[in-house]
Amino acid sequence: MSRPPTPTPFFRKGDRVYDKSGVDLLQLAEQNNFNVKKVASILGFTVIQLQRHVEAAIGLKPKDLFCNHRALLAKRMITEGVNLHDISAKLGYLYYSHFCTDIKKFYGISPKQLEKKLQP
């Protein structure tokens, strides 16, 4: 006899993800350099528990959710004219090359190409 599934403590509202007490997961991630381990710890979960709950609620792992959110924030900063290396640092990337890889994975073009495309 199997146990009934435990309800997930997370839910999506628009493009944001909240826990049952109303904590905005993406805002918490921003405040902690998008570090999944730190976010899990603050919420009282292990990384695996956080991954399981978030994936059950929205179909994405926290790492992928945070990566997507970073890409959207980067695009907004590019349109505001912020330097690409500054964007990389502000979004918590230790290496500019990792920033470039994530942007290319999300948008299909390099940050420099995205910058040229977005700025007149």
C-alpha atoms as a PDB file:
ATOM      1  CA  MET A   1       0.000   0.000   0.000  1.00  0.00           C
ATOM      2  CA  SER A   2       1.508   3.326  -1.048  1.00  0.00           C
ATOM      3  CA  ARG A   3       1.241   6.597   0.789  1.00  0.00           C
ATOM      4  CA  PRO A   4      -0.702   9.452  -0.770  1.00  0.00           C
ATOM      5  CA  PRO A   5       1.562  12.128  -2.255  1.00  0.00           C
ATOM      6  CA  THR A   6       2.524  14.938   0.095  1.00  0.00           C
ATOM      7  CA  PRO A   7       1.176  18.275  -1.107  1.00  0.00           C
ATOM      8  CA  THR A   8       3.931  20.574  -2.297  1.00  0.00           C
ATOM      9  CA  PRO A   9       4.597  23.646  -0.156  1.00  0.00           C
ATOM     10  CA  PHE A  10       5.129  25.774  -3.298  1.00  0.00           C
ATOM     11  CA  PHE A  11       2.768  27.311  -5.814  1.00  0.00           C
ATOM     12  CA  ARG A  12       3.073  29.465  -8.897  1.00  0.00           C
ATOM     13  CA  LYS A  13       1.326  32.808  -9.219  1.00  0.00           C
ATOM     14  CA  GLY A  14       1.962  34.447 -12.575  1.00  0.00           C
ATOM     15  CA  ASP A  15       5.678  34.244 -13.239  1.00  0.00           C
ATOM     16  CA  ARG A  16       6.582  34.004  -9.539  1.00  0.00           C
ATOM     17  CA  VAL A  17       6.892  30.996  -7.209  1.00  0.00           C
ATOM     18  CA  TYR A  18       5.895  31.209  -3.545  1.00  0.00           C
ATOM     19  CA  ASP A  19       6.037  28.914  -0.564  1.00  0.00           C
ATOM     20  CA  LYS A  20       2.949  28.347   1.576  1.00  0.00           C
ATOM     21  CA  SER A  21       3.918  31.213   3.917  1.00  0.00           C
ATOM     22  CA  GLY A  22       4.148  33.670   1.003  1.00  0.00           C
ATOM     23  CA  VAL A  23       7.930  33.815   0.572  1.00  0.00           C
ATOM     24  CA  ASP A  24       8.835  34.667  -3.038  1.00  0.00           C
ATOM     25  CA  LEU A  25      11.316  31.974  -4.084  1.00  0.00           C
ATOM     26  CA  LEU A  26      12.849  34.072  -6.879  1.00  0.00           C
ATOM     27  CA  GLN A  27      13.321  37.083  -4.617  1.00  0.00           C
ATOM     28  CA  LEU A  28      14.966  34.844  -2.027  1.00  0.00           C
ATOM     29  CA  ALA A  29      17.215  33.439  -4.760  1.00  0.00           C
ATOM     30  CA  GLU A  30      18.194  36.963  -5.876  1.00  0.00           C
ATOM     31  CA  GLN A  31      19.126  37.862  -2.300  1.00  0.00           C
ATOM     32  CA  ASN A  32      21.336  34.760  -2.044  1.00  0.00           C
ATOM     33  CA  ASN A  33      23.191  34.892  -5.387  1.00  0.00           C
ATOM     34  CA  PHE A  34      20.902  32.213  -6.832  1.00  0.00           C
ATOM     35  CA  ASN A  35      22.561  29.609  -4.605  1.00  0.00           C
ATOM     36  CA  VAL A  36      20.179  26.639  -4.414  1.00  0.00           C
ATOM     37  CA  LYS A  37      21.844  25.243  -1.285  1.00  0.00           C
ATOM     38  CA  LYS A  38      21.461  28.554   0.603  1.00  0.00           C
ATOM     39  CA  VAL A  39      17.851  28.971  -0.491  1.00  0.00           C
ATOM     40  CA  ALA A  40      17.022  25.402   0.559  1.00  0.00           C
ATOM     41  CA  SER A  41      18.657  25.939   3.944  1.00  0.00           C
ATOM     42  CA  ILE A  42      16.783  29.198   4.578  1.00  0.00           C
ATOM     43  CA  LEU A  43      13.492  27.476   3.763  1.00  0.00           C
ATOM     44  CA  GLY A  44      14.339  24.504   5.998  1.00  0.00           C
ATOM     45  CA  PHE A  45      14.826  21.951   3.225  1.00  0.00           C
ATOM     46  CA  THR A  46      17.685  19.895   1.912  1.00  0.00           C
ATOM     47  CA  VAL A  47      18.608  20.590  -1.709  1.00  0.00           C
ATOM     48  CA  ILE A  48      16.924  17.338  -2.763  1.00  0.00           C
ATOM     49  CA  GLN A  49      13.715  18.180  -0.873  1.00  0.00           C
ATOM     50  CA  LEU A  50      13.609  21.667  -2.403  1.00  0.00           C
ATOM     51  CA  GLN A  51      14.210  20.195  -5.843  1.00  0.00           C
ATOM     52  CA  ARG A  52      11.444  17.635  -5.409  1.00  0.00           C
ATOM     53  CA  HIS A  53       8.900  20.172  -4.125  1.00  0.00           C
ATOM     54  CA  VAL A  54       9.637  22.879  -6.694  1.00  0.00           C
ATOM     55  CA  GLU A  55       9.669  20.402  -9.565  1.00  0.00           C
ATOM     56  CA  ALA A  56       6.318  18.968  -8.407  1.00  0.00           C
ATOM     57  CA  ALA A  57       4.815  22.458  -8.232  1.00  0.00           C
ATOM     58  CA  ILE A  58       6.095  23.997 -11.467  1.00  0.00           C
ATOM     59  CA  GLY A  59       7.861  21.311 -13.497  1.00  0.00           C
ATOM     60  CA  LEU A  60      11.330  22.860 -13.213  1.00  0.00           C
ATOM     61  CA  LYS A  61      14.251  22.202 -10.908  1.00  0.00           C
ATOM     62  CA  PRO A  62      15.274  25.192  -8.764  1.00  0.00           C
ATOM     63  CA  LYS A  63      18.576  25.495 -10.633  1.00  0.00           C
ATOM     64  CA  ASP A  64      16.740  25.774 -13.968  1.00  0.00           C
ATOM     65  CA  LEU A  65      14.161  28.173 -12.525  1.00  0.00           C
ATOM     66  CA  PHE A  66      16.930  30.401 -11.153  1.00  0.00           C
ATOM     67  CA  CYS A  67      18.895  30.220 -14.416  1.00  0.00           C
ATOM     68  CA  ASN A  68      15.824  31.275 -16.423  1.00  0.00           C
ATOM     69  CA  HIS A  69      15.143  34.128 -14.021  1.00  0.00           C
ATOM     70  CA  ARG A  70      18.753  35.303 -14.256  1.00  0.00           C
ATOM     71  CA  ALA A  71      18.470  35.359 -18.054  1.00  0.00           C
ATOM     72  CA  LEU A  72      15.343  37.507 -17.880  1.00  0.00           C
ATOM     73  CA  LEU A  73      17.003  39.874 -15.406  1.00  0.00           C
ATOM     74  CA  ALA A  74      20.066  40.065 -17.657  1.00  0.00           C
ATOM     75  CA  LYS A  75      17.910  41.016 -20.641  1.00  0.00           C
ATOM     76  CA  ARG A  76      16.261  43.787 -18.637  1.00  0.00           C
ATOM     77  CA  MET A  77      19.645  45.123 -17.499  1.00  0.00           C
ATOM     78  CA  ILE A  78      20.978  45.015 -21.065  1.00  0.00           C
ATOM     79  CA  THR A  79      18.037  47.152 -22.235  1.00  0.00           C
ATOM     80  CA  GLU A  80      18.895  49.584 -19.415  1.00  0.00           C
ATOM     81  CA  GLY A  81      22.436  49.882 -20.803  1.00  0.00           C
ATOM     82  CA  VAL A  82      24.272  48.078 -17.991  1.00  0.00           C
ATOM     83  CA  ASN A  83      27.716  46.719 -18.934  1.00  0.00           C
ATOM     84  CA  LEU A  84      27.718  42.955 -19.611  1.00  0.00           C
ATOM     85  CA  HIS A  85      30.492  42.213 -17.114  1.00  0.00           C
ATOM     86  CA  ASP A  86      28.623  44.231 -14.473  1.00  0.00           C
ATOM     87  CA  ILE A  87      25.444  42.276 -15.207  1.00  0.00           C
ATOM     88  CA  SER A  88      27.350  39.028 -14.791  1.00  0.00           C
ATOM     89  CA  ALA A  89      28.664  40.127 -11.389  1.00  0.00           C
ATOM     90  CA  LYS A  90      25.305  41.539 -10.215  1.00  0.00           C
ATOM     91  CA  LEU A  91      23.628  38.239 -11.028  1.00  0.00           C
ATOM     92  CA  GLY A  92      26.120  36.316  -8.904  1.00  0.00           C
ATOM     93  CA  TYR A  93      28.207  34.679 -11.610  1.00  0.00           C
ATOM     94  CA  LEU A  94      31.766  34.008 -10.483  1.00  0.00           C
ATOM     95  CA  TYR A  95      32.941  33.689 -14.085  1.00  0.00           C
ATOM     96  CA  TYR A  96      31.835  35.750 -17.069  1.00  0.00           C
ATOM     97  CA  SER A  97      32.103  32.627 -19.241  1.00  0.00           C
ATOM     98  CA  HIS A  98      29.367  30.922 -17.171  1.00  0.00           C
ATOM     99  CA  PHE A  99      27.141  33.957 -17.686  1.00  0.00           C
ATOM    100  CA  CYS A 100      27.777  33.756 -21.446  1.00  0.00           C
ATOM    101  CA  THR A 101      26.965  30.036 -21.522  1.00  0.00           C
ATOM    102  CA  ASP A 102      23.673  30.502 -19.655  1.00  0.00           C
ATOM    103  CA  ILE A 103      22.586  33.439 -21.829  1.00  0.00           C
ATOM    104  CA  LYS A 104      23.409  31.547 -25.014  1.00  0.00           C
ATOM    105  CA  LYS A 105      21.515  28.499 -23.734  1.00  0.00           C
ATOM    106  CA  PHE A 106      18.433  30.605 -22.917  1.00  0.00           C
ATOM    107  CA  TYR A 107      18.348  33.038 -25.876  1.00  0.00           C
ATOM    108  CA  GLY A 108      20.327  31.115 -28.496  1.00  0.00           C
ATOM    109  CA  ILE A 109      22.771  33.996 -28.945  1.00  0.00           C
ATOM    110  CA  SER A 110      25.716  35.385 -26.986  1.00  0.00           C
ATOM    111  CA  PRO A 111      25.265  38.263 -24.524  1.00  0.00           C
ATOM    112  CA  LYS A 112      27.104  40.582 -26.939  1.00  0.00           C
ATOM    113  CA  GLN A 113      24.746  39.600 -29.779  1.00  0.00           C
ATOM    114  CA  LEU A 114      21.752  40.064 -27.471  1.00  0.00           C
ATOM    115  CA  GLU A 115      23.063  43.492 -26.497  1.00  0.00           C
ATOM    116  CA  LYS A 116      23.365  44.515 -30.171  1.00  0.00           C
ATOM    117  CA  LYS A 117      19.880  43.184 -30.884  1.00  0.00           C
ATOM    118  CA  LEU A 118      18.261  45.031 -27.955  1.00  0.00           C
ATOM    119  CA  GLN A 119      20.019  48.382 -28.180  1.00  0.00           C
ATOM    120  CA  PRO A 120      19.206  50.701 -31.107  1.00  0.00           C
END
